[in-house]
Amino acid sequence: MAATLTTWIEIALIAVGAFFLTVGTIGLLRFPNVYNRMHATSKPTTLGTATIFLAGFVHFGPGTGLPALVGIAFLFLTVPTGAHMIARSAKRMGIPFESNVTWPELPGTPEDDEE
């Protein structure tokens, strides 16, 4: 009975992960510019990949599955940083935002365009 419950939890986690990865992929293909695509690929794919890592942890257990938890921590540390760097680079390259969207400028910070 416990093996069956564990199997169903793994299947559910993989299904949720595959759903979010699919949503991220569709967003990457459908959204109009780099900012929207970056958003679509960073958030859903992080959640989808972390969910699949969690399924691996459930399958292999606390001893052997520990790298899966390390993978989740690595994802949550690196993906937001990478997405921010992509957006910042796109802004510096002069890629325009959609309609009336603007980059948030904090008072007292130098403009990036002057660098």
PDB file of N, CA and C in Angstrom:
ATOM      1  N   MET A   1       0.824  -1.204   0.000  1.00  0.00           N
ATOM      2  CA  MET A   1       0.000   0.000   0.000  1.00  0.00           C
ATOM      3  C   MET A   1       0.857   1.252   0.000  1.00  0.00           C
ATOM      4  N   ALA A   2       1.966   1.239   0.812  1.00  0.00           N
ATOM      5  CA  ALA A   2       2.825   2.424   0.876  1.00  0.00           C
ATOM      6  C   ALA A   2       3.541   2.641  -0.440  1.00  0.00           C
ATOM      7  N   ALA A   3       3.956   1.543  -1.090  1.00  0.00           N
ATOM      8  CA  ALA A   3       4.622   1.685  -2.382  1.00  0.00           C
ATOM      9  C   ALA A   3       3.669   2.253  -3.419  1.00  0.00           C
ATOM     10  N   THR A   4       2.430   1.880  -3.363  1.00  0.00           N
ATOM     11  CA  THR A   4       1.454   2.403  -4.307  1.00  0.00           C
ATOM     12  C   THR A   4       1.224   3.889  -4.092  1.00  0.00           C
ATOM     13  N   LEU A   5       1.111   4.307  -2.822  1.00  0.00           N
ATOM     14  CA  LEU A   5       0.916   5.724  -2.518  1.00  0.00           C
ATOM     15  C   LEU A   5       2.123   6.542  -2.967  1.00  0.00           C
ATOM     16  N   THR A   6       3.311   6.031  -2.724  1.00  0.00           N
ATOM     17  CA  THR A   6       4.530   6.719  -3.161  1.00  0.00           C
ATOM     18  C   THR A   6       4.571   6.834  -4.683  1.00  0.00           C
ATOM     19  N   THR A   7       4.178   5.773  -5.342  1.00  0.00           N
ATOM     20  CA  THR A   7       4.151   5.805  -6.809  1.00  0.00           C
ATOM     21  C   THR A   7       3.179   6.858  -7.327  1.00  0.00           C
ATOM     22  N   TRP A   8       2.013   6.956  -6.709  1.00  0.00           N
ATOM     23  CA  TRP A   8       1.030   7.949  -7.145  1.00  0.00           C
ATOM     24  C   TRP A   8       1.513   9.368  -6.864  1.00  0.00           C
ATOM     25  N   ILE A   9       2.203   9.564  -5.755  1.00  0.00           N
ATOM     26  CA  ILE A   9       2.770  10.897  -5.467  1.00  0.00           C
ATOM     27  C   ILE A   9       3.822  11.255  -6.519  1.00  0.00           C
ATOM     28  N   GLU A  10       4.666  10.284  -6.866  1.00  0.00           N
ATOM     29  CA  GLU A  10       5.679  10.539  -7.899  1.00  0.00           C
ATOM     30  C   GLU A  10       5.032  10.876  -9.237  1.00  0.00           C
ATOM     31  N   ILE A  11       3.997  10.131  -9.594  1.00  0.00           N
ATOM     32  CA  ILE A  11       3.303  10.391 -10.868  1.00  0.00           C
ATOM     33  C   ILE A  11       2.680  11.779 -10.853  1.00  0.00           C
ATOM     34  N   ALA A  12       2.060  12.152  -9.731  1.00  0.00           N
ATOM     35  CA  ALA A  12       1.435  13.473  -9.640  1.00  0.00           C
ATOM     36  C   ALA A  12       2.477  14.583  -9.739  1.00  0.00           C
ATOM     37  N   LEU A  13       3.619  14.414  -9.067  1.00  0.00           N
ATOM     38  CA  LEU A  13       4.662  15.437  -9.119  1.00  0.00           C
ATOM     39  C   LEU A  13       5.241  15.569 -10.523  1.00  0.00           C
ATOM     40  N   ILE A  14       5.444  14.456 -11.200  1.00  0.00           N
ATOM     41  CA  ILE A  14       5.971  14.512 -12.567  1.00  0.00           C
ATOM     42  C   ILE A  14       4.941  15.132 -13.508  1.00  0.00           C
ATOM     43  N   ALA A  15       3.663  14.831 -13.299  1.00  0.00           N
ATOM     44  CA  ALA A  15       2.622  15.421 -14.150  1.00  0.00           C
ATOM     45  C   ALA A  15       2.559  16.937 -13.948  1.00  0.00           C
ATOM     46  N   VAL A  16       2.637  17.378 -12.700  1.00  0.00           N
ATOM     47  CA  VAL A  16       2.624  18.826 -12.425  1.00  0.00           C
ATOM     48  C   VAL A  16       3.860  19.486 -13.035  1.00  0.00           C
ATOM     49  N   GLY A  17       5.009  18.842 -12.874  1.00  0.00           N
ATOM     50  CA  GLY A  17       6.239  19.381 -13.452  1.00  0.00           C
ATOM     51  C   GLY A  17       6.166  19.459 -14.969  1.00  0.00           C
ATOM     52  N   ALA A  18       5.641  18.421 -15.605  1.00  0.00           N
ATOM     53  CA  ALA A  18       5.507  18.434 -17.065  1.00  0.00           C
ATOM     54  C   ALA A  18       4.540  19.515 -17.518  1.00  0.00           C
ATOM     55  N   PHE A  19       3.486  19.738 -16.743  1.00  0.00           N
ATOM     56  CA  PHE A  19       2.538  20.803 -17.088  1.00  0.00           C
ATOM     57  C   PHE A  19       3.224  22.165 -17.073  1.00  0.00           C
ATOM     58  N   PHE A  20       3.965  22.449 -16.012  1.00  0.00           N
ATOM     59  CA  PHE A  20       4.615  23.759 -15.925  1.00  0.00           C
ATOM     60  C   PHE A  20       5.707  23.909 -16.976  1.00  0.00           C
ATOM     61  N   LEU A  21       6.419  22.849 -17.280  1.00  0.00           N
ATOM     62  CA  LEU A  21       7.425  22.927 -18.345  1.00  0.00           C
ATOM     63  C   LEU A  21       6.765  23.175 -19.699  1.00  0.00           C
ATOM     64  N   THR A  22       5.616  22.567 -19.923  1.00  0.00           N
ATOM     65  CA  THR A  22       4.889  22.810 -21.162  1.00  0.00           C
ATOM     66  C   THR A  22       4.404  24.252 -21.250  1.00  0.00           C
ATOM     67  N   VAL A  23       3.883  24.774 -20.138  1.00  0.00           N
ATOM     68  CA  VAL A  23       3.426  26.170 -20.113  1.00  0.00           C
ATOM     69  C   VAL A  23       4.596  27.118 -20.396  1.00  0.00           C
ATOM     70  N   GLY A  24       5.743  26.846 -19.810  1.00  0.00           N
ATOM     71  CA  GLY A  24       6.920  27.680 -20.065  1.00  0.00           C
ATOM     72  C   GLY A  24       7.367  27.625 -21.511  1.00  0.00           C
ATOM     73  N   THR A  25       7.297  26.451 -22.098  1.00  0.00           N
ATOM     74  CA  THR A  25       7.692  26.298 -23.495  1.00  0.00           C
ATOM     75  C   THR A  25       6.725  27.022 -24.421  1.00  0.00           C
ATOM     76  N   ILE A  26       5.445  26.917 -24.136  1.00  0.00           N
ATOM     77  CA  ILE A  26       4.448  27.627 -24.960  1.00  0.00           C
ATOM     78  C   ILE A  26       4.659  29.140 -24.834  1.00  0.00           C
ATOM     79  N   GLY A  27       4.940  29.608 -23.611  1.00  0.00           N
ATOM     80  CA  GLY A  27       5.215  31.034 -23.424  1.00  0.00           C
ATOM     81  C   GLY A  27       6.441  31.479 -24.187  1.00  0.00           C
ATOM     82  N   LEU A  28       7.461  30.652 -24.194  1.00  0.00           N
ATOM     83  CA  LEU A  28       8.674  30.984 -24.944  1.00  0.00           C
ATOM     84  C   LEU A  28       8.370  31.118 -26.440  1.00  0.00           C
ATOM     85  N   LEU A  29       7.505  30.272 -26.953  1.00  0.00           N
ATOM     86  CA  LEU A  29       7.193  30.296 -28.374  1.00  0.00           C
ATOM     87  C   LEU A  29       6.192  31.383 -28.748  1.00  0.00           C
ATOM     88  N   ARG A  30       5.315  31.765 -27.824  1.00  0.00           N
ATOM     89  CA  ARG A  30       4.207  32.646 -28.177  1.00  0.00           C
ATOM     90  C   ARG A  30       4.395  34.108 -27.790  1.00  0.00           C
ATOM     91  N   PHE A  31       5.176  34.394 -26.757  1.00  0.00           N
ATOM     92  CA  PHE A  31       5.257  35.773 -26.278  1.00  0.00           C
ATOM     93  C   PHE A  31       6.065  36.635 -27.233  1.00  0.00           C
ATOM     94  N   PRO A  32       5.779  37.962 -27.267  1.00  0.00           N
ATOM     95  CA  PRO A  32       6.303  38.797 -28.338  1.00  0.00           C
ATOM     96  C   PRO A  32       7.749  39.260 -28.191  1.00  0.00           C
ATOM     97  N   ASN A  33       8.242  39.491 -26.990  1.00  0.00           N
ATOM     98  CA  ASN A  33       9.598  40.049 -26.898  1.00  0.00           C
ATOM     99  C   ASN A  33      10.418  39.335 -25.826  1.00  0.00           C
ATOM    100  N   VAL A  34      11.662  39.752 -25.686  1.00  0.00           N
ATOM    101  CA  VAL A  34      12.600  39.052 -24.809  1.00  0.00           C
ATOM    102  C   VAL A  34      12.179  39.118 -23.349  1.00  0.00           C
ATOM    103  N   TYR A  35      11.556  40.214 -22.934  1.00  0.00           N
ATOM    104  CA  TYR A  35      11.159  40.339 -21.535  1.00  0.00           C
ATOM    105  C   TYR A  35      10.038  39.358 -21.183  1.00  0.00           C
ATOM    106  N   ASN A  36       9.055  39.272 -22.041  1.00  0.00           N
ATOM    107  CA  ASN A  36       7.967  38.329 -21.802  1.00  0.00           C
ATOM    108  C   ASN A  36       8.454  36.884 -21.883  1.00  0.00           C
ATOM    109  N   ARG A  37       9.311  36.616 -22.842  1.00  0.00           N
ATOM    110  CA  ARG A  37       9.841  35.251 -22.991  1.00  0.00           C
ATOM    111  C   ARG A  37      10.702  34.860 -21.800  1.00  0.00           C
ATOM    112  N   MET A  38      11.476  35.816 -21.306  1.00  0.00           N
ATOM    113  CA  MET A  38      12.304  35.546 -20.138  1.00  0.00           C
ATOM    114  C   MET A  38      11.435  35.210 -18.924  1.00  0.00           C
ATOM    115  N   HIS A  39      10.348  35.950 -18.778  1.00  0.00           N
ATOM    116  CA  HIS A  39       9.425  35.675 -17.682  1.00  0.00           C
ATOM    117  C   HIS A  39       8.794  34.295 -17.835  1.00  0.00           C
ATOM    118  N   ALA A  40       8.392  33.969 -19.069  1.00  0.00           N
ATOM    119  CA  ALA A  40       7.735  32.684 -19.315  1.00  0.00           C
ATOM    120  C   ALA A  40       8.674  31.514 -19.090  1.00  0.00           C
ATOM    121  N   THR A  41       9.936  31.691 -19.375  1.00  0.00           N
ATOM    122  CA  THR A  41      10.852  30.565 -19.208  1.00  0.00           C
ATOM    123  C   THR A  41      11.402  30.455 -17.797  1.00  0.00           C
ATOM    124  N   SER A  42      11.488  31.554 -17.075  1.00  0.00           N
ATOM    125  CA  SER A  42      12.104  31.466 -15.752  1.00  0.00           C
ATOM    126  C   SER A  42      11.154  30.926 -14.685  1.00  0.00           C
ATOM    127  N   LYS A  43       9.983  31.458 -14.566  1.00  0.00           N
ATOM    128  CA  LYS A  43       9.107  31.054 -13.464  1.00  0.00           C
ATOM    129  C   LYS A  43       8.471  29.677 -13.645  1.00  0.00           C
ATOM    130  N   PRO A  44       7.732  29.414 -14.727  1.00  0.00           N
ATOM    131  CA  PRO A  44       7.117  28.081 -14.838  1.00  0.00           C
ATOM    132  C   PRO A  44       8.130  26.953 -14.974  1.00  0.00           C
ATOM    133  N   THR A  45       9.204  27.188 -15.684  1.00  0.00           N
ATOM    134  CA  THR A  45      10.158  26.094 -15.836  1.00  0.00           C
ATOM    135  C   THR A  45      10.918  25.807 -14.546  1.00  0.00           C
ATOM    136  N   THR A  46      11.129  26.843 -13.740  1.00  0.00           N
ATOM    137  CA  THR A  46      11.738  26.593 -12.437  1.00  0.00           C
ATOM    138  C   THR A  46      10.824  25.750 -11.566  1.00  0.00           C
ATOM    139  N   LEU A  47       9.558  26.118 -11.547  1.00  0.00           N
ATOM    140  CA  LEU A  47       8.602  25.351 -10.748  1.00  0.00           C
ATOM    141  C   LEU A  47       8.455  23.930 -11.286  1.00  0.00           C
ATOM    142  N   GLY A  48       8.401  23.777 -12.600  1.00  0.00           N
ATOM    143  CA  GLY A  48       8.277  22.443 -13.186  1.00  0.00           C
ATOM    144  C   GLY A  48       9.492  21.574 -12.921  1.00  0.00           C
ATOM    145  N   THR A  49      10.662  22.149 -13.081  1.00  0.00           N
ATOM    146  CA  THR A  49      11.878  21.377 -12.842  1.00  0.00           C
ATOM    147  C   THR A  49      12.024  21.027 -11.369  1.00  0.00           C
ATOM    148  N   ALA A  50      11.694  21.971 -10.489  1.00  0.00           N
ATOM    149  CA  ALA A  50      11.775  21.687  -9.057  1.00  0.00           C
ATOM    150  C   ALA A  50      10.799  20.592  -8.655  1.00  0.00           C
ATOM    151  N   THR A  51       9.634  20.583  -9.278  1.00  0.00           N
ATOM    152  CA  THR A  51       8.652  19.538  -8.967  1.00  0.00           C
ATOM    153  C   THR A  51       9.151  18.168  -9.426  1.00  0.00           C
ATOM    154  N   ILE A  52       9.794  18.114 -10.573  1.00  0.00           N
ATOM    155  CA  ILE A  52      10.340  16.837 -11.046  1.00  0.00           C
ATOM    156  C   ILE A  52      11.516  16.408 -10.165  1.00  0.00           C
ATOM    157  N   PHE A  53      12.338  17.365  -9.725  1.00  0.00           N
ATOM    158  CA  PHE A  53      13.395  17.035  -8.765  1.00  0.00           C
ATOM    159  C   PHE A  53      12.792  16.465  -7.476  1.00  0.00           C
ATOM    160  N   LEU A  54      11.678  17.065  -7.038  1.00  0.00           N
ATOM    161  CA  LEU A  54      11.014  16.579  -5.830  1.00  0.00           C
ATOM    162  C   LEU A  54      10.489  15.160  -6.017  1.00  0.00           C
ATOM    163  N   ALA A  55      10.008  14.857  -7.214  1.00  0.00           N
ATOM    164  CA  ALA A  55       9.580  13.486  -7.507  1.00  0.00           C
ATOM    165  C   ALA A  55      10.762  12.526  -7.407  1.00  0.00           C
ATOM    166  N   GLY A  56      11.923  12.974  -7.866  1.00  0.00           N
ATOM    167  CA  GLY A  56      13.133  12.151  -7.724  1.00  0.00           C
ATOM    168  C   GLY A  56      13.501  11.936  -6.273  1.00  0.00           C
ATOM    169  N   PHE A  57      13.335  12.970  -5.459  1.00  0.00           N
ATOM    170  CA  PHE A  57      13.610  12.824  -4.029  1.00  0.00           C
ATOM    171  C   PHE A  57      12.644  11.831  -3.387  1.00  0.00           C
ATOM    172  N   VAL A  58      11.376  11.907  -3.758  1.00  0.00           N
ATOM    173  CA  VAL A  58      10.383  10.971  -3.207  1.00  0.00           C
ATOM    174  C   VAL A  58      10.715   9.547  -3.656  1.00  0.00           C
ATOM    175  N   HIS A  59      11.149   9.381  -4.886  1.00  0.00           N
ATOM    176  CA  HIS A  59      11.445   8.048  -5.411  1.00  0.00           C
ATOM    177  C   HIS A  59      12.683   7.438  -4.754  1.00  0.00           C
ATOM    178  N   PHE A  60      13.766   8.216  -4.621  1.00  0.00           N
ATOM    179  CA  PHE A  60      15.026   7.656  -4.143  1.00  0.00           C
ATOM    180  C   PHE A  60      15.197   7.738  -2.634  1.00  0.00           C
ATOM    181  N   GLY A  61      14.402   8.542  -1.960  1.00  0.00           N
ATOM    182  CA  GLY A  61      14.484   8.615  -0.508  1.00  0.00           C
ATOM    183  C   GLY A  61      15.495   9.636  -0.026  1.00  0.00           C
ATOM    184  N   PRO A  62      15.557   9.821   1.290  1.00  0.00           N
ATOM    185  CA  PRO A  62      16.410  10.885   1.842  1.00  0.00           C
ATOM    186  C   PRO A  62      17.902  10.684   1.586  1.00  0.00           C
ATOM    187  N   GLY A  63      18.400   9.473   1.542  1.00  0.00           N
ATOM    188  CA  GLY A  63      19.834   9.263   1.360  1.00  0.00           C
ATOM    189  C   GLY A  63      20.298   9.501  -0.061  1.00  0.00           C
ATOM    190  N   THR A  64      19.759   8.744  -0.981  1.00  0.00           N
ATOM    191  CA  THR A  64      20.157   8.835  -2.384  1.00  0.00           C
ATOM    192  C   THR A  64      19.523  10.026  -3.086  1.00  0.00           C
ATOM    193  N   GLY A  65      18.398  10.487  -2.587  1.00  0.00           N
ATOM    194  CA  GLY A  65      17.691  11.588  -3.240  1.00  0.00           C
ATOM    195  C   GLY A  65      18.159  12.963  -2.831  1.00  0.00           C
ATOM    196  N   LEU A  66      19.170  13.050  -1.990  1.00  0.00           N
ATOM    197  CA  LEU A  66      19.658  14.350  -1.528  1.00  0.00           C
ATOM    198  C   LEU A  66      20.119  15.259  -2.678  1.00  0.00           C
ATOM    199  N   PRO A  67      20.772  14.745  -3.723  1.00  0.00           N
ATOM    200  CA  PRO A  67      21.120  15.640  -4.839  1.00  0.00           C
ATOM    201  C   PRO A  67      19.913  16.314  -5.478  1.00  0.00           C
ATOM    202  N   ALA A  68      18.754  15.696  -5.397  1.00  0.00           N
ATOM    203  CA  ALA A  68      17.557  16.338  -5.938  1.00  0.00           C
ATOM    204  C   ALA A  68      17.226  17.593  -5.145  1.00  0.00           C
ATOM    205  N   LEU A  69      17.355  17.532  -3.827  1.00  0.00           N
ATOM    206  CA  LEU A  69      17.106  18.724  -3.009  1.00  0.00           C
ATOM    207  C   LEU A  69      18.160  19.793  -3.266  1.00  0.00           C
ATOM    208  N   VAL A  70      19.391  19.375  -3.477  1.00  0.00           N
ATOM    209  CA  VAL A  70      20.449  20.332  -3.814  1.00  0.00           C
ATOM    210  C   VAL A  70      20.145  20.988  -5.166  1.00  0.00           C
ATOM    211  N   GLY A  71      19.618  20.202  -6.097  1.00  0.00           N
ATOM    212  CA  GLY A  71      19.221  20.746  -7.396  1.00  0.00           C
ATOM    213  C   GLY A  71      18.124  21.787  -7.273  1.00  0.00           C
ATOM    214  N   ILE A  72      17.158  21.547  -6.390  1.00  0.00           N
ATOM    215  CA  ILE A  72      16.085  22.519  -6.172  1.00  0.00           C
ATOM    216  C   ILE A  72      16.666  23.819  -5.603  1.00  0.00           C
ATOM    217  N   ALA A  73      17.543  23.696  -4.626  1.00  0.00           N
ATOM    218  CA  ALA A  73      18.163  24.898  -4.040  1.00  0.00           C
ATOM    219  C   ALA A  73      18.974  25.650  -5.090  1.00  0.00           C
ATOM    220  N   PHE A  74      19.704  24.911  -5.926  1.00  0.00           N
ATOM    221  CA  PHE A  74      20.482  25.539  -6.992  1.00  0.00           C
ATOM    222  C   PHE A  74      19.580  26.281  -7.971  1.00  0.00           C
ATOM    223  N   LEU A  75      18.452  25.662  -8.327  1.00  0.00           N
ATOM    224  CA  LEU A  75      17.514  26.328  -9.236  1.00  0.00           C
ATOM    225  C   LEU A  75      16.992  27.622  -8.653  1.00  0.00           C
ATOM    226  N   PHE A  76      16.559  27.576  -7.389  1.00  0.00           N
ATOM    227  CA  PHE A  76      15.966  28.761  -6.784  1.00  0.00           C
ATOM    228  C   PHE A  76      16.990  29.869  -6.554  1.00  0.00           C
ATOM    229  N   LEU A  77      18.267  29.522  -6.524  1.00  0.00           N
ATOM    230  CA  LEU A  77      19.294  30.554  -6.380  1.00  0.00           C
ATOM    231  C   LEU A  77      19.731  31.129  -7.726  1.00  0.00           C
ATOM    232  N   THR A  78      19.790  30.318  -8.754  1.00  0.00           N
ATOM    233  CA  THR A  78      20.392  30.766 -10.008  1.00  0.00           C
ATOM    234  C   THR A  78      19.408  31.271 -11.051  1.00  0.00           C
ATOM    235  N   VAL A  79      18.218  30.715 -11.113  1.00  0.00           N
ATOM    236  CA  VAL A  79      17.291  31.115 -12.178  1.00  0.00           C
ATOM    237  C   VAL A  79      16.836  32.571 -12.042  1.00  0.00           C
ATOM    238  N   PRO A  80      16.451  33.063 -10.855  1.00  0.00           N
ATOM    239  CA  PRO A  80      16.093  34.487 -10.785  1.00  0.00           C
ATOM    240  C   PRO A  80      17.255  35.405 -11.111  1.00  0.00           C
ATOM    241  N   THR A  81      18.446  35.033 -10.713  1.00  0.00           N
ATOM    242  CA  THR A  81      19.621  35.848 -11.031  1.00  0.00           C
ATOM    243  C   THR A  81      19.869  35.874 -12.537  1.00  0.00           C
ATOM    244  N   GLY A  82      19.772  34.720 -13.172  1.00  0.00           N
ATOM    245  CA  GLY A  82      19.957  34.649 -14.612  1.00  0.00           C
ATOM    246  C   GLY A  82      18.893  35.431 -15.374  1.00  0.00           C
ATOM    247  N   ALA A  83      17.642  35.333 -14.924  1.00  0.00           N
ATOM    248  CA  ALA A  83      16.568  36.072 -15.582  1.00  0.00           C
ATOM    249  C   ALA A  83      16.777  37.576 -15.438  1.00  0.00           C
ATOM    250  N   HIS A  84      17.200  37.993 -14.271  1.00  0.00           N
ATOM    251  CA  HIS A  84      17.470  39.417 -14.068  1.00  0.00           C
ATOM    252  C   HIS A  84      18.611  39.883 -14.971  1.00  0.00           C
ATOM    253  N   MET A  85      19.635  39.088 -15.099  1.00  0.00           N
ATOM    254  CA  MET A  85      20.762  39.466 -15.947  1.00  0.00           C
ATOM    255  C   MET A  85      20.348  39.527 -17.419  1.00  0.00           C
ATOM    256  N   ILE A  86      19.491  38.622 -17.867  1.00  0.00           N
ATOM    257  CA  ILE A  86      19.004  38.659 -19.246  1.00  0.00           C
ATOM    258  C   ILE A  86      18.192  39.932 -19.481  1.00  0.00           C
ATOM    259  N   ALA A  87      17.302  40.267 -18.540  1.00  0.00           N
ATOM    260  CA  ALA A  87      16.492  41.476 -18.693  1.00  0.00           C
ATOM    261  C   ALA A  87      17.360  42.724 -18.687  1.00  0.00           C
ATOM    262  N   ARG A  88      18.328  42.766 -17.811  1.00  0.00           N
ATOM    263  CA  ARG A  88      19.218  43.932 -17.723  1.00  0.00           C
ATOM    264  C   ARG A  88      20.052  44.083 -19.006  1.00  0.00           C
ATOM    265  N   SER A  89      20.524  42.965 -19.537  1.00  0.00           N
ATOM    266  CA  SER A  89      21.293  43.012 -20.777  1.00  0.00           C
ATOM    267  C   SER A  89      20.419  43.464 -21.944  1.00  0.00           C
ATOM    268  N   ALA A  90      19.182  42.987 -21.984  1.00  0.00           N
ATOM    269  CA  ALA A  90      18.275  43.396 -23.057  1.00  0.00           C
ATOM    270  C   ALA A  90      17.999  44.890 -22.981  1.00  0.00           C
ATOM    271  N   LYS A  91      17.831  45.407 -21.779  1.00  0.00           N
ATOM    272  CA  LYS A  91      17.596  46.846 -21.627  1.00  0.00           C
ATOM    273  C   LYS A  91      18.816  47.633 -22.093  1.00  0.00           C
ATOM    274  N   ARG A  92      19.997  47.176 -21.723  1.00  0.00           N
ATOM    275  CA  ARG A  92      21.220  47.885 -22.137  1.00  0.00           C
ATOM    276  C   ARG A  92      21.444  47.814 -23.638  1.00  0.00           C
ATOM    277  N   MET A  93      20.944  46.749 -24.273  1.00  0.00           N
ATOM    278  CA  MET A  93      21.059  46.636 -25.724  1.00  0.00           C
ATOM    279  C   MET A  93      20.035  47.500 -26.434  1.00  0.00           C
ATOM    280  N   GLY A  94      19.080  48.073 -25.676  1.00  0.00           N
ATOM    281  CA  GLY A  94      18.107  48.971 -26.269  1.00  0.00           C
ATOM    282  C   GLY A  94      16.857  48.299 -26.785  1.00  0.00           C
ATOM    283  N   ILE A  95      16.573  47.103 -26.344  1.00  0.00           N
ATOM    284  CA  ILE A  95      15.355  46.416 -26.771  1.00  0.00           C
ATOM    285  C   ILE A  95      14.172  47.078 -26.070  1.00  0.00           C
ATOM    286  N   PRO A  96      13.188  47.581 -26.821  1.00  0.00           N
ATOM    287  CA  PRO A  96      12.094  48.336 -26.199  1.00  0.00           C
ATOM    288  C   PRO A  96      11.115  47.435 -25.445  1.00  0.00           C
ATOM    289  N   PHE A  97      10.446  48.050 -24.480  1.00  0.00           N
ATOM    290  CA  PHE A  97       9.386  47.364 -23.748  1.00  0.00           C
ATOM    291  C   PHE A  97       8.098  47.438 -24.552  1.00  0.00           C
ATOM    292  N   GLU A  98       7.113  46.649 -24.146  1.00  0.00           N
ATOM    293  CA  GLU A  98       5.806  46.699 -24.765  1.00  0.00           C
ATOM    294  C   GLU A  98       5.048  47.930 -24.297  1.00  0.00           C
ATOM    295  N   SER A  99       4.389  48.629 -25.178  1.00  0.00           N
ATOM    296  CA  SER A  99       3.509  49.783 -24.963  1.00  0.00           C
ATOM    297  C   SER A  99       4.052  50.748 -23.916  1.00  0.00           C
ATOM    298  N   ASN A 100       3.380  50.894 -22.774  1.00  0.00           N
ATOM    299  CA  ASN A 100       3.774  51.915 -21.795  1.00  0.00           C
ATOM    300  C   ASN A 100       4.530  51.343 -20.601  1.00  0.00           C
ATOM    301  N   VAL A 101       5.103  50.176 -20.725  1.00  0.00           N
ATOM    302  CA  VAL A 101       5.870  49.566 -19.641  1.00  0.00           C
ATOM    303  C   VAL A 101       7.231  50.248 -19.558  1.00  0.00           C
ATOM    304  N   THR A 102       7.692  50.527 -18.334  1.00  0.00           N
ATOM    305  CA  THR A 102       8.993  51.174 -18.154  1.00  0.00           C
ATOM    306  C   THR A 102       9.825  50.391 -17.156  1.00  0.00           C
ATOM    307  N   TRP A 103      11.126  50.591 -17.224  1.00  0.00           N
ATOM    308  CA  TRP A 103      12.036  49.970 -16.272  1.00  0.00           C
ATOM    309  C   TRP A 103      11.962  50.759 -14.972  1.00  0.00           C
ATOM    310  N   PRO A 104      11.860  50.109 -13.825  1.00  0.00           N
ATOM    311  CA  PRO A 104      11.758  50.868 -12.577  1.00  0.00           C
ATOM    312  C   PRO A 104      13.100  51.527 -12.233  1.00  0.00           C
ATOM    313  N   GLU A 105      13.093  52.839 -12.188  1.00  0.00           N
ATOM    314  CA  GLU A 105      14.291  53.593 -11.843  1.00  0.00           C
ATOM    315  C   GLU A 105      14.179  54.051 -10.394  1.00  0.00           C
ATOM    316  N   LEU A 106      15.176  53.753  -9.609  1.00  0.00           N
ATOM    317  CA  LEU A 106      15.178  54.190  -8.223  1.00  0.00           C
ATOM    318  C   LEU A 106      15.812  55.579  -8.146  1.00  0.00           C
ATOM    319  N   PRO A 107      15.304  56.447  -7.290  1.00  0.00           N
ATOM    320  CA  PRO A 107      15.904  57.772  -7.174  1.00  0.00           C
ATOM    321  C   PRO A 107      17.334  57.676  -6.633  1.00  0.00           C
ATOM    322  N   GLY A 108      18.235  58.422  -7.258  1.00  0.00           N
ATOM    323  CA  GLY A 108      19.613  58.438  -6.796  1.00  0.00           C
ATOM    324  C   GLY A 108      20.500  57.420  -7.459  1.00  0.00           C
ATOM    325  N   THR A 109      19.960  56.586  -8.357  1.00  0.00           N
ATOM    326  CA  THR A 109      20.795  55.606  -9.062  1.00  0.00           C
ATOM    327  C   THR A 109      21.158  56.153 -10.434  1.00  0.00           C
ATOM    328  N   PRO A 110      22.364  55.860 -10.916  1.00  0.00           N
ATOM    329  CA  PRO A 110      22.753  56.364 -12.238  1.00  0.00           C
ATOM    330  C   PRO A 110      22.010  55.635 -13.342  1.00  0.00           C
ATOM    331  N   GLU A 111      21.833  56.320 -14.454  1.00  0.00           N
ATOM    332  CA  GLU A 111      21.180  55.711 -15.614  1.00  0.00           C
ATOM    333  C   GLU A 111      22.106  54.675 -16.244  1.00  0.00           C
ATOM    334  N   ASP A 112      21.535  53.564 -16.698  1.00  0.00           N
ATOM    335  CA  ASP A 112      22.336  52.539 -17.344  1.00  0.00           C
ATOM    336  C   ASP A 112      22.763  52.962 -18.747  1.00  0.00           C
ATOM    337  N   ASP A 113      22.004  53.852 -19.358  1.00  0.00           N
ATOM    338  CA  ASP A 113      22.315  54.244 -20.726  1.00  0.00           C
ATOM    339  C   ASP A 113      23.587  55.071 -20.809  1.00  0.00           C
ATOM    340  N   GLU A 114      24.013  55.656 -19.715  1.00  0.00           N
ATOM    341  CA  GLU A 114      25.185  56.515 -19.730  1.00  0.00           C
ATOM    342  C   GLU A 114      26.482  55.734 -19.581  1.00  0.00           C
ATOM    343  N   GLU A 115      26.405  54.432 -19.285  1.00  0.00           N
ATOM    344  CA  GLU A 115      27.618  53.637 -19.068  1.00  0.00           C
ATOM    345  C   GLU A 115      28.288  53.288 -20.357  1.00  0.00           C
TER     346      GLU A 115
END
